[in-house]
Every structure is written in structure tokens, then in C-alpha cells.
Amino acid sequence: MGEKKVKVFVDAQAYRAIEKGAMIVFKKGVIRTEGDVKPGDIVEVYSRSGRFLGKGFANPNSNIMVRFLTKDRDVEIGKELFKERVRAANNYRKKILGYGNAYRMVYGEADYLPGLIVDRFNDIASLQISSIGMERFKMDVAEAIMEAEPGIETVFEKNTGRARRREGLPEIERVLLGKEKYRTVIQEGKAKFIVDMRGQKTGFFLDQRENRIALEKYIRGGEKVLDVFTYTGGFAIHAAVSGADRVVAVDNSPKAIKQAKENAKLNGVEDRMEFIIGSAFEVMENLQKKGEKFDVVVVDPPAFVQHEKDLKKGLRAYFNVNYQAMKLLKDGGILVTASCSQHVDMQLFKNMIIAASAKAGKFLKMLEPYRTQAPDHPILMASKDTEYLKCLFLYAENLR
């Protein structure tokens, strides 16, 4: 597939960001183009003075104008490049990070493969594309995945969600390459989980893996645990297999709760678990009215801030859910709280928690250092976009 010599010129601010390692060009940083730029085209990026900066996928209809694939003028963008990049990304997880059979194999810009997410679950790889340019090469990518990791026998195309709709791409869920398979069971710490490709996102939220495993050491026999926004039972199952006497798992998705129940049965802890389908805020208020108190409360909500303009409203939602969580904690209880909103940085998240604790009458101590996403979701030092997950483990005492 030949490359069109279409050029994009950027302003000084975008140029400085690219020089520091940024892997995307926002539309607001583009000062002019040479040639007709169509969605998905491969374009060359230049500074205002004409210095070559890199090549990548363009989409003039998106807020992100260019996603870099290479900063080298001589690199050819095609099948061989994708094979090399996927192989390197997989080797990083296996050889450097030491992952086994369940991990994020490719994480977009952090692996120089913009708009591409690949999660491995045993012999199934879940592929998610959010770039119209990467969409053109998805069969090459699927073949590269199976070649890089011979243990993978199925590549499932999990192409759904807002990011695809913003790029003007259709939503597709199907086996793209290999055997017709949808489900498998993975091991995570003391717990086992069923992964179903027809669930949310790429089938399972791997980014919280280390944080879920970290919870295990804080659970004692006889304790009561509340897991809000449980999805398929992540934190709740870990609490139960670690000896909690009663675990209440809450989610508003009947489909997710159904799979959470399957996971409870798989781990032999269904007799100690209670599942509630409903709005997190309403369920927590009802538990308060009943006088319920828990030794551990986990709140891992979806992203309340999708866009920067929603920051104030989203922070209020985080404040409310954490305030309610702290009201349900026993004196000397543990709060595990998370945010996956990219626009809420750790300092904003910390400030919100402090405000919520003051209203709830709680004195908080950090049990763990600031935690973030699992290392198979690499954070590029020069790219703020790759750092999104915040997770705090807090010891909560009543103010005296």
C-alpha cells in the first residue's frame, strides 16, 4: 500500500511537544496542510520551518489530527512494521515484565501502535481499534499477533465504543482470525475469572490487576466487604477468596452481575457473596438507611470525566460516591478508591478524597503508595494521555 506525500505543518507548541516525545498531533496545533488529507491517510508531519518530525495516520475529522507511527523518514509503514512492533510489545511484557498468559499485549501509543489495543487471555487475543488509519491494517495486525505469540489461536475483533464512533468507524464484534472461541478462564492472584469476549471493553479490565491482588493482603477472616461498580466481580472475588465472611457486590448491569455470579461459583465462594443490581448511589444510600457498616469498601467507577469540559461535574460525582463509601465504613476500615478518568490527575483525585473525607468525618492514612495501572499498560513519560488510572488504599478512622 503506497504512501501519499501529504504534508501537515504544526505550530511551535506542537513542535516542542513532539520533540519531547509526544505521539499525537491535535488539530488545534496544525497550521496548514499540503495535499488533500483524507481520513486514514498516512501523512508526513513538519515544523513551521519545514523540519521533518514524523509520519502517521491522519484524520481531519477528529480532534486528534495525526497519530505518529514513526519519527524516521525512511521507515516504510506496512505489514512488516506491524509485525515488528507487535513482536516487540509482546516481548516487553513477557521478558521484561514477566507476564504469563493474561496481559495487555499492545497499548496504543505506548507501543508505537496508535489506536490499537490488544489484550491476551490464554489462547484468545482481543483486538480493539480506535483509529481509522489502523483499521486499514487490521488483518496485518491480526496475523502479527498470532505470529508473535504462538499460544494465541483466536483473534477476536472487539471493535465497539465511543472512540470508534468518533472516528466514524462501524462497531463490530466477531472472530477476525483463527478458531471460533469466545470464553476462557484466567488466574489472577488467588482468584480465577471467566473472560467472555462478548462482555465490556476487551473482555476484562486488566489494568486493575495488581491493585486487585494488593487487596488480598488486607482481608481478614470474618470481615464484611462492599465492592461498588463490581462489573464481573473483580475486587469482590479477591476479597472472598482471601477469607472475607460476607461480600456485597454492586453493579447496574444484569449481564455483568450474571457473570460475577459465575465467577463466584468458579471460585467456590458463592455462599459468602451477595449481589445487588442497581444504581451505586441508590444502593449505598439504602445500605446506610439499614445501618450497614463494612470493614472494607471498594469503589471503582467508570470514567465520570470523558472530556475536559465535564471536569467539574465529574469531580462532583467522584466526591459523592466516595463520601457515600466512607459513610459505610467502620471506624478503622479500609477504603480502596479508583478513577480511570484521564482528565482527573492524581492531585485532583487526592484533593477530592480529602474534601469527601472531611464531610464524612474521616481521618485518612495512606496504606499504599500512589497506585496506577498495571505495568503492561505502559506510561510514556512524554505522553500524559497514556497515564489514566489512579488507585488509593486508605485507612479511615473517625475524626475525634
Foldseek 3Di string as FASTA:
>chain_A
DDADAKEWEFEPVQVVLLVLPDFFAFPVGTDDIDDDADFQHKYWYAYPVGHTQAIAGAHPLARTGGGGLTRDPPDDDDLVSLLVLLLVQQCCCCPVVNDDFWFWSDAAVVSSHHQWTWTGHFQEIEIEGLGPNVVVCVVSNVVSNCVSPVRHFWYWYQYDDDSNVSSVHDGDTATPDGDGDFWDWDDQQLFIAIFGCPFPDRRDPQFCRVVLNVVLVVADAAFEEEEEQCQQNRNNRSNQSSHHQAYEYEEQDPVRPVRNCVRCVVSVRNVRYHYDHDDLLVVLVVCVVVVAAGQEYEYEDAALDPDLVCVVVSLVVLLSNLLSRLLRYDAFHKYKYKHQALNQDPVNNVVSNVVSCVVSQKDKDFPDPWDFTDCSLPDDPSYSSSTGMTITIITIHGHD
